[in-house]
């Protein structure tokens, strides 16, 4: 199926994650701001929509070996994947990046004061993300698994303490937006993770780690905002109607 200018950016990436590379190449946010049409993002970023469509539709005619169809995964499997892959990645990388940032700020902070701001933004991200992930793992993900199990067993599920999945989902999406803003600022401060001419190897590695962290965060947030969250809401609505009838 060919993409059109009326397609929603987040839905395009949900259909074929290889589209993420196209959007990233133009600096288009497909995760936190993935609810815009292709026409809207083209206009906002001063890009010819035909150019975007050509590149997006080309990926569909190429090899499908790299395509991962997350949409086809069972919802509990997707929750497990996010937790085991992306949450673990964040927890593993945070102390490593903190260590590198502390070192480059000490050595290069006077000549490059933007590093101090970058370190402040990353520290805020580190604190917020760890709290955020803990809440997802303690509140939403277990309920998703319970809904799947209840559906399989054709059982009625008691209403959770948070009433509806829409409540934690709204909170988590707002927090995702905040992280998107922080990393756009980090990217701007670092000149899109381009080290200056006088950067040492530690400086360069720090920028590479930050860039990798942002890329992983984009996929992480995309999987939740554009696939897990809407499908969890749909499943809850389906089960609600089944119980009412």
C-alpha atoms as a PDB file:
ATOM      1  CA  UNK A   1       0.000   0.000   0.000  1.00  0.00           C
ATOM      2  CA  UNK A   2       1.372   3.377  -1.040  1.00  0.00           C
ATOM      3  CA  UNK A   3       1.643   6.189   1.487  1.00  0.00           C
ATOM      4  CA  UNK A   4      -0.229   9.438   0.856  1.00  0.00           C
ATOM      5  CA  UNK A   5       0.123  13.002   2.108  1.00  0.00           C
ATOM      6  CA  UNK A   6      -2.930  12.471   4.343  1.00  0.00           C
ATOM      7  CA  UNK A   7      -1.290   9.604   6.250  1.00  0.00           C
ATOM      8  CA  UNK A   8      -0.338  10.246   9.885  1.00  0.00           C
ATOM      9  CA  UNK A   9       3.405  10.224  10.547  1.00  0.00           C
ATOM     10  CA  UNK A  10       3.210   7.971  13.616  1.00  0.00           C
ATOM     11  CA  UNK A  11       0.968   5.510  11.775  1.00  0.00           C
ATOM     12  CA  UNK A  12       3.373   5.402   8.829  1.00  0.00           C
ATOM     13  CA  UNK A  13       6.215   4.376  11.133  1.00  0.00           C
ATOM     14  CA  UNK A  14       3.931   1.898  12.898  1.00  0.00           C
ATOM     15  CA  UNK A  15       3.224   0.262   9.533  1.00  0.00           C
ATOM     16  CA  UNK A  16       6.873   0.174   8.514  1.00  0.00           C
ATOM     17  CA  UNK A  17       9.564   1.214  10.965  1.00  0.00           C
ATOM     18  CA  UNK A  18      12.058   1.700   8.110  1.00  0.00           C
ATOM     19  CA  UNK A  19      10.203   4.976   7.546  1.00  0.00           C
ATOM     20  CA  UNK A  20      11.841   6.222  10.763  1.00  0.00           C
ATOM     21  CA  UNK A  21      15.133   6.620   8.901  1.00  0.00           C
ATOM     22  CA  UNK A  22      13.442   8.831   6.307  1.00  0.00           C
ATOM     23  CA  UNK A  23      11.856  11.078   8.942  1.00  0.00           C
ATOM     24  CA  UNK A  24      15.034  11.213  11.040  1.00  0.00           C
ATOM     25  CA  UNK A  25      16.984  12.301   7.982  1.00  0.00           C
ATOM     26  CA  UNK A  26      14.781  15.397   7.761  1.00  0.00           C
ATOM     27  CA  UNK A  27      14.690  16.019  11.513  1.00  0.00           C
ATOM     28  CA  UNK A  28      10.989  15.111  11.680  1.00  0.00           C
ATOM     29  CA  UNK A  29       9.756  13.945  15.098  1.00  0.00           C
ATOM     30  CA  UNK A  30       7.727  10.782  14.459  1.00  0.00           C
ATOM     31  CA  UNK A  31       7.337   9.691  18.095  1.00  0.00           C
ATOM     32  CA  UNK A  32       6.303  12.521  20.443  1.00  0.00           C
ATOM     33  CA  UNK A  33       4.781  14.569  17.608  1.00  0.00           C
ATOM     34  CA  UNK A  34       3.677  11.662  15.466  1.00  0.00           C
ATOM     35  CA  UNK A  35       0.012  12.717  15.270  1.00  0.00           C
ATOM     36  CA  UNK A  36       0.544  15.069  12.296  1.00  0.00           C
ATOM     37  CA  UNK A  37      -0.144  14.303   8.651  1.00  0.00           C
ATOM     38  CA  UNK A  38       2.656  13.963   6.142  1.00  0.00           C
ATOM     39  CA  UNK A  39       1.409  17.131   4.465  1.00  0.00           C
ATOM     40  CA  UNK A  40       1.615  19.045   7.760  1.00  0.00           C
ATOM     41  CA  UNK A  41       5.173  17.996   8.592  1.00  0.00           C
ATOM     42  CA  UNK A  42       6.311  18.712   5.036  1.00  0.00           C
ATOM     43  CA  UNK A  43       4.921  22.240   5.247  1.00  0.00           C
ATOM     44  CA  UNK A  44       6.313  22.833   8.753  1.00  0.00           C
ATOM     45  CA  UNK A  45       9.795  21.657   7.736  1.00  0.00           C
ATOM     46  CA  UNK A  46       9.726  23.337   4.309  1.00  0.00           C
ATOM     47  CA  UNK A  47      10.048  20.028   2.465  1.00  0.00           C
ATOM     48  CA  UNK A  48       8.270  19.073  -0.745  1.00  0.00           C
ATOM     49  CA  UNK A  49       5.685  16.474   0.239  1.00  0.00           C
ATOM     50  CA  UNK A  50       6.335  14.680  -3.074  1.00  0.00           C
ATOM     51  CA  UNK A  51       9.968  14.231  -2.051  1.00  0.00           C
ATOM     52  CA  UNK A  52       8.924  12.636   1.242  1.00  0.00           C
ATOM     53  CA  UNK A  53       6.381  10.393  -0.463  1.00  0.00           C
ATOM     54  CA  UNK A  54       8.937   9.206  -3.007  1.00  0.00           C
ATOM     55  CA  UNK A  55      11.415   8.192  -0.311  1.00  0.00           C
ATOM     56  CA  UNK A  56       8.747   6.592   1.871  1.00  0.00           C
ATOM     57  CA  UNK A  57       7.242   4.595  -0.946  1.00  0.00           C
ATOM     58  CA  UNK A  58      10.680   3.467  -2.122  1.00  0.00           C
ATOM     59  CA  UNK A  59      11.301   1.656   1.158  1.00  0.00           C
ATOM     60  CA  UNK A  60       8.239  -0.482   0.522  1.00  0.00           C
ATOM     61  CA  UNK A  61       9.558  -1.672  -2.821  1.00  0.00           C
ATOM     62  CA  UNK A  62      12.924  -2.625  -1.345  1.00  0.00           C
ATOM     63  CA  UNK A  63      13.945  -5.597   0.756  1.00  0.00           C
ATOM     64  CA  UNK A  64      11.655  -6.434   3.669  1.00  0.00           C
ATOM     65  CA  UNK A  65      14.393  -8.206   5.642  1.00  0.00           C
ATOM     66  CA  UNK A  66      14.850  -5.287   8.049  1.00  0.00           C
ATOM     67  CA  UNK A  67      11.161  -4.657   8.577  1.00  0.00           C
ATOM     68  CA  UNK A  68       9.815  -5.570  11.995  1.00  0.00           C
ATOM     69  CA  UNK A  69       6.033  -5.745  12.072  1.00  0.00           C
ATOM     70  CA  UNK A  70       5.442  -4.619  15.655  1.00  0.00           C
ATOM     71  CA  UNK A  71       1.755  -4.127  14.841  1.00  0.00           C
ATOM     72  CA  UNK A  72       1.301  -7.883  14.509  1.00  0.00           C
ATOM     73  CA  UNK A  73       2.776  -8.665  17.921  1.00  0.00           C
ATOM     74  CA  UNK A  74       0.543  -9.654  20.817  1.00  0.00           C
ATOM     75  CA  UNK A  75       0.146  -6.712  23.177  1.00  0.00           C
ATOM     76  CA  UNK A  76       1.768  -8.445  26.150  1.00  0.00           C
ATOM     77  CA  UNK A  77       4.727  -9.461  23.976  1.00  0.00           C
ATOM     78  CA  UNK A  78       5.165  -5.840  22.933  1.00  0.00           C
ATOM     79  CA  UNK A  79       5.088  -4.722  26.582  1.00  0.00           C
ATOM     80  CA  UNK A  80       7.686  -7.369  27.442  1.00  0.00           C
ATOM     81  CA  UNK A  81       9.879  -6.260  24.537  1.00  0.00           C
ATOM     82  CA  UNK A  82       9.754  -2.594  25.532  1.00  0.00           C
ATOM     83  CA  UNK A  83      10.572  -3.448  29.127  1.00  0.00           C
ATOM     84  CA  UNK A  84      13.358  -5.925  28.420  1.00  0.00           C
ATOM     85  CA  UNK A  85      14.978  -4.088  25.517  1.00  0.00           C
ATOM     86  CA  UNK A  86      14.341  -0.350  25.855  1.00  0.00           C
ATOM     87  CA  UNK A  87      13.911   0.030  29.607  1.00  0.00           C
ATOM     88  CA  UNK A  88      17.009  -2.055  30.238  1.00  0.00           C
ATOM     89  CA  UNK A  89      18.938  -0.045  27.648  1.00  0.00           C
ATOM     90  CA  UNK A  90      18.027   3.219  29.404  1.00  0.00           C
ATOM     91  CA  UNK A  91      19.037   1.890  32.816  1.00  0.00           C
ATOM     92  CA  UNK A  92      22.328   0.577  31.466  1.00  0.00           C
ATOM     93  CA  UNK A  93      23.264   3.687  29.501  1.00  0.00           C
ATOM     94  CA  UNK A  94      22.362   6.393  32.052  1.00  0.00           C
ATOM     95  CA  UNK A  95      25.308   5.838  34.446  1.00  0.00           C
ATOM     96  CA  UNK A  96      27.692   5.471  31.509  1.00  0.00           C
ATOM     97  CA  UNK A  97      26.628   8.735  29.872  1.00  0.00           C
ATOM     98  CA  UNK A  98      26.592  10.519  33.234  1.00  0.00           C
ATOM     99  CA  UNK A  99      30.235   9.508  33.753  1.00  0.00           C
ATOM    100  CA  UNK A 100      31.300  10.748  30.318  1.00  0.00           C
ATOM    101  CA  UNK A 101      29.398  14.028  30.640  1.00  0.00           C
ATOM    102  CA  UNK A 102      30.927  14.727  34.035  1.00  0.00           C
ATOM    103  CA  UNK A 103      34.395  14.243  32.572  1.00  0.00           C
ATOM    104  CA  UNK A 104      33.924  16.392  29.452  1.00  0.00           C
ATOM    105  CA  UNK A 105      32.274  19.163  31.471  1.00  0.00           C
ATOM    106  CA  UNK A 106      35.260  19.226  33.816  1.00  0.00           C
ATOM    107  CA  UNK A 107      37.770  19.329  30.956  1.00  0.00           C
ATOM    108  CA  UNK A 108      35.934  21.307  28.260  1.00  0.00           C
ATOM    109  CA  UNK A 109      33.134  23.125  30.108  1.00  0.00           C
ATOM    110  CA  UNK A 110      34.932  26.465  30.218  1.00  0.00           C
ATOM    111  CA  UNK A 111      35.581  26.555  26.464  1.00  0.00           C
ATOM    112  CA  UNK A 112      32.246  24.920  25.615  1.00  0.00           C
ATOM    113  CA  UNK A 113      29.616  26.035  28.167  1.00  0.00           C
ATOM    114  CA  UNK A 114      26.901  24.308  26.120  1.00  0.00           C
ATOM    115  CA  UNK A 115      28.184  21.068  27.665  1.00  0.00           C
ATOM    116  CA  UNK A 116      26.970  22.233  31.063  1.00  0.00           C
ATOM    117  CA  UNK A 117      23.459  22.753  29.679  1.00  0.00           C
ATOM    118  CA  UNK A 118      23.569  19.388  27.915  1.00  0.00           C
ATOM    119  CA  UNK A 119      24.542  17.681  31.175  1.00  0.00           C
ATOM    120  CA  UNK A 120      21.697  19.442  33.009  1.00  0.00           C
ATOM    121  CA  UNK A 121      19.142  18.346  30.403  1.00  0.00           C
ATOM    122  CA  UNK A 122      20.419  14.772  30.439  1.00  0.00           C
ATOM    123  CA  UNK A 123      20.313  14.623  34.238  1.00  0.00           C
ATOM    124  CA  UNK A 124      16.676  15.751  34.162  1.00  0.00           C
ATOM    125  CA  UNK A 125      15.947  13.077  31.546  1.00  0.00           C
ATOM    126  CA  UNK A 126      17.714  10.431  33.636  1.00  0.00           C
ATOM    127  CA  UNK A 127      15.645  11.218  36.741  1.00  0.00           C
ATOM    128  CA  UNK A 128      12.327  11.498  34.934  1.00  0.00           C
ATOM    129  CA  UNK A 129      12.779   8.461  32.697  1.00  0.00           C
ATOM    130  CA  UNK A 130      13.679   6.138  35.556  1.00  0.00           C
ATOM    131  CA  UNK A 131      10.590   7.211  37.496  1.00  0.00           C
ATOM    132  CA  UNK A 132       8.487   7.010  34.328  1.00  0.00           C
ATOM    133  CA  UNK A 133       9.617   3.462  33.487  1.00  0.00           C
ATOM    134  CA  UNK A 134       9.032   2.284  37.034  1.00  0.00           C
ATOM    135  CA  UNK A 135       5.428   3.506  36.847  1.00  0.00           C
ATOM    136  CA  UNK A 136       4.862   1.840  33.479  1.00  0.00           C
ATOM    137  CA  UNK A 137       6.226  -1.440  34.808  1.00  0.00           C
ATOM    138  CA  UNK A 138       4.196  -1.203  38.002  1.00  0.00           C
ATOM    139  CA  UNK A 139       0.902   0.134  36.638  1.00  0.00           C
ATOM    140  CA  UNK A 140       0.196  -0.108  32.917  1.00  0.00           C
ATOM    141  CA  UNK A 141       2.205  -3.101  31.723  1.00  0.00           C
ATOM    142  CA  UNK A 142       0.825  -5.513  34.365  1.00  0.00           C
ATOM    143  CA  UNK A 143      -2.708  -4.386  33.490  1.00  0.00           C
ATOM    144  CA  UNK A 144      -2.040  -4.979  29.791  1.00  0.00           C
ATOM    145  CA  UNK A 145      -0.966  -8.527  30.617  1.00  0.00           C
ATOM    146  CA  UNK A 146      -4.050  -9.003  32.793  1.00  0.00           C
ATOM    147  CA  UNK A 147      -6.318  -7.804  29.960  1.00  0.00           C
ATOM    148  CA  UNK A 148      -4.697 -10.230  27.515  1.00  0.00           C
ATOM    149  CA  UNK A 149      -5.048 -13.108  29.955  1.00  0.00           C
ATOM    150  CA  UNK A 150      -8.685 -12.235  30.723  1.00  0.00           C
ATOM    151  CA  UNK A 151      -9.493 -12.055  27.016  1.00  0.00           C
ATOM    152  CA  UNK A 152      -7.871 -15.443  26.365  1.00  0.00           C
ATOM    153  CA  UNK A 153      -9.756 -17.031  29.260  1.00  0.00           C
ATOM    154  CA  UNK A 154     -12.983 -15.185  28.400  1.00  0.00           C
ATOM    155  CA  UNK A 155     -13.094 -13.768  31.911  1.00  0.00           C
ATOM    156  CA  UNK A 156     -14.316 -10.449  33.281  1.00  0.00           C
ATOM    157  CA  UNK A 157     -11.586  -8.168  34.546  1.00  0.00           C
ATOM    158  CA  UNK A 158     -12.126  -5.922  37.544  1.00  0.00           C
ATOM    159  CA  UNK A 159     -11.763  -2.196  36.973  1.00  0.00           C
ATOM    160  CA  UNK A 160      -8.238  -1.087  37.926  1.00  0.00           C
ATOM    161  CA  UNK A 161      -7.496   1.518  40.593  1.00  0.00           C
ATOM    162  CA  UNK A 162      -6.728   4.040  37.840  1.00  0.00           C
ATOM    163  CA  UNK A 163     -10.261   3.486  36.412  1.00  0.00           C
ATOM    164  CA  UNK A 164      -9.237   3.378  32.730  1.00  0.00           C
ATOM    165  CA  UNK A 165      -5.990   2.910  30.814  1.00  0.00           C
ATOM    166  CA  UNK A 166      -6.577   6.363  29.317  1.00  0.00           C
ATOM    167  CA  UNK A 167      -5.510   7.947  32.626  1.00  0.00           C
ATOM    168  CA  UNK A 168      -1.955   6.562  32.881  1.00  0.00           C
ATOM    169  CA  UNK A 169      -1.612   6.736  29.086  1.00  0.00           C
ATOM    170  CA  UNK A 170      -2.331  10.471  29.109  1.00  0.00           C
ATOM    171  CA  UNK A 171       0.258  10.989  31.856  1.00  0.00           C
ATOM    172  CA  UNK A 172       2.878   8.873  30.086  1.00  0.00           C
ATOM    173  CA  UNK A 173       2.364  10.640  26.756  1.00  0.00           C
ATOM    174  CA  UNK A 174       2.800  14.028  28.416  1.00  0.00           C
ATOM    175  CA  UNK A 175       6.039  12.785  29.951  1.00  0.00           C
ATOM    176  CA  UNK A 176       7.155  11.498  26.545  1.00  0.00           C
ATOM    177  CA  UNK A 177       6.563  14.985  25.140  1.00  0.00           C
ATOM    178  CA  UNK A 178       8.805  16.465  27.840  1.00  0.00           C
ATOM    179  CA  UNK A 179      11.623  14.073  26.943  1.00  0.00           C
ATOM    180  CA  UNK A 180      11.188  14.917  23.287  1.00  0.00           C
ATOM    181  CA  UNK A 181      11.620  18.607  24.098  1.00  0.00           C
ATOM    182  CA  UNK A 182      14.721  17.933  26.204  1.00  0.00           C
ATOM    183  CA  UNK A 183      16.443  15.897  23.532  1.00  0.00           C
ATOM    184  CA  UNK A 184      15.622  18.379  20.809  1.00  0.00           C
ATOM    185  CA  UNK A 185      17.393  20.938  23.004  1.00  0.00           C
ATOM    186  CA  UNK A 186      20.354  18.602  23.546  1.00  0.00           C
ATOM    187  CA  UNK A 187      20.589  18.028  19.798  1.00  0.00           C
ATOM    188  CA  UNK A 188      20.487  21.779  19.134  1.00  0.00           C
ATOM    189  CA  UNK A 189      23.123  22.538  21.797  1.00  0.00           C
ATOM    190  CA  UNK A 190      25.428  19.843  20.406  1.00  0.00           C
ATOM    191  CA  UNK A 191      24.931  20.929  16.776  1.00  0.00           C
ATOM    192  CA  UNK A 192      23.220  17.614  16.024  1.00  0.00           C
ATOM    193  CA  UNK A 193      25.894  15.730  18.003  1.00  0.00           C
ATOM    194  CA  UNK A 194      28.744  17.196  15.961  1.00  0.00           C
ATOM    195  CA  UNK A 195      31.862  17.526  18.150  1.00  0.00           C
ATOM    196  CA  UNK A 196      33.957  20.706  17.769  1.00  0.00           C
ATOM    197  CA  UNK A 197      37.417  20.664  16.216  1.00  0.00           C
ATOM    198  CA  UNK A 198      39.148  20.594  19.605  1.00  0.00           C
ATOM    199  CA  UNK A 199      37.111  17.661  20.922  1.00  0.00           C
ATOM    200  CA  UNK A 200      39.039  14.791  22.487  1.00  0.00           C
ATOM    201  CA  UNK A 201      38.037  11.135  22.041  1.00  0.00           C
ATOM    202  CA  UNK A 202      35.978  11.178  25.251  1.00  0.00           C
ATOM    203  CA  UNK A 203      34.094  14.220  23.960  1.00  0.00           C
ATOM    204  CA  UNK A 204      33.350  12.423  20.667  1.00  0.00           C
ATOM    205  CA  UNK A 205      32.254   9.226  22.406  1.00  0.00           C
ATOM    206  CA  UNK A 206      29.934  11.238  24.661  1.00  0.00           C
ATOM    207  CA  UNK A 207      28.167  12.746  21.654  1.00  0.00           C
ATOM    208  CA  UNK A 208      27.901   9.347  19.962  1.00  0.00           C
ATOM    209  CA  UNK A 209      26.336   7.862  23.107  1.00  0.00           C
ATOM    210  CA  UNK A 210      23.867  10.749  23.384  1.00  0.00           C
ATOM    211  CA  UNK A 211      22.925  10.342  19.725  1.00  0.00           C
ATOM    212  CA  UNK A 212      22.426   6.600  20.179  1.00  0.00           C
ATOM    213  CA  UNK A 213      20.377   7.231  23.329  1.00  0.00           C
ATOM    214  CA  UNK A 214      18.090   9.629  21.459  1.00  0.00           C
ATOM    215  CA  UNK A 215      17.622   7.163  18.593  1.00  0.00           C
ATOM    216  CA  UNK A 216      16.675   4.390  21.005  1.00  0.00           C
ATOM    217  CA  UNK A 217      14.333   6.767  22.835  1.00  0.00           C
ATOM    218  CA  UNK A 218      12.590   7.600  19.555  1.00  0.00           C
ATOM    219  CA  UNK A 219      11.823   3.928  18.869  1.00  0.00           C
ATOM    220  CA  UNK A 220      10.923   3.367  22.527  1.00  0.00           C
ATOM    221  CA  UNK A 221       8.410   6.233  22.559  1.00  0.00           C
ATOM    222  CA  UNK A 222       7.082   5.339  19.104  1.00  0.00           C
ATOM    223  CA  UNK A 223       6.289   1.775  20.187  1.00  0.00           C
ATOM    224  CA  UNK A 224       4.344   3.093  23.161  1.00  0.00           C
ATOM    225  CA  UNK A 225       2.642   6.207  21.744  1.00  0.00           C
ATOM    226  CA  UNK A 226       1.727   4.822  18.335  1.00  0.00           C
ATOM    227  CA  UNK A 227       1.197   1.103  18.982  1.00  0.00           C
ATOM    228  CA  UNK A 228       1.005  -0.061  22.616  1.00  0.00           C
ATOM    229  CA  UNK A 229      -1.106   2.772  24.034  1.00  0.00           C
ATOM    230  CA  UNK A 230      -3.804   2.934  21.323  1.00  0.00           C
ATOM    231  CA  UNK A 231      -4.093  -0.854  21.176  1.00  0.00           C
ATOM    232  CA  UNK A 232      -4.401  -1.073  24.976  1.00  0.00           C
ATOM    233  CA  UNK A 233      -7.213   1.508  24.844  1.00  0.00           C
ATOM    234  CA  UNK A 234      -8.923  -0.431  22.038  1.00  0.00           C
ATOM    235  CA  UNK A 235      -8.669  -3.697  23.970  1.00  0.00           C
ATOM    236  CA  UNK A 236     -10.107  -2.082  27.098  1.00  0.00           C
ATOM    237  CA  UNK A 237     -13.009  -0.640  25.082  1.00  0.00           C
ATOM    238  CA  UNK A 238     -13.653  -4.042  23.485  1.00  0.00           C
ATOM    239  CA  UNK A 239     -13.681  -5.780  26.860  1.00  0.00           C
ATOM    240  CA  UNK A 240     -15.920  -3.090  28.354  1.00  0.00           C
ATOM    241  CA  UNK A 241     -18.539  -3.585  25.649  1.00  0.00           C
ATOM    242  CA  UNK A 242     -18.304  -7.374  25.919  1.00  0.00           C
ATOM    243  CA  UNK A 243     -18.911  -7.175  29.671  1.00  0.00           C
ATOM    244  CA  UNK A 244     -21.854  -4.786  29.212  1.00  0.00           C
ATOM    245  CA  UNK A 245     -23.613  -7.093  26.730  1.00  0.00           C
END
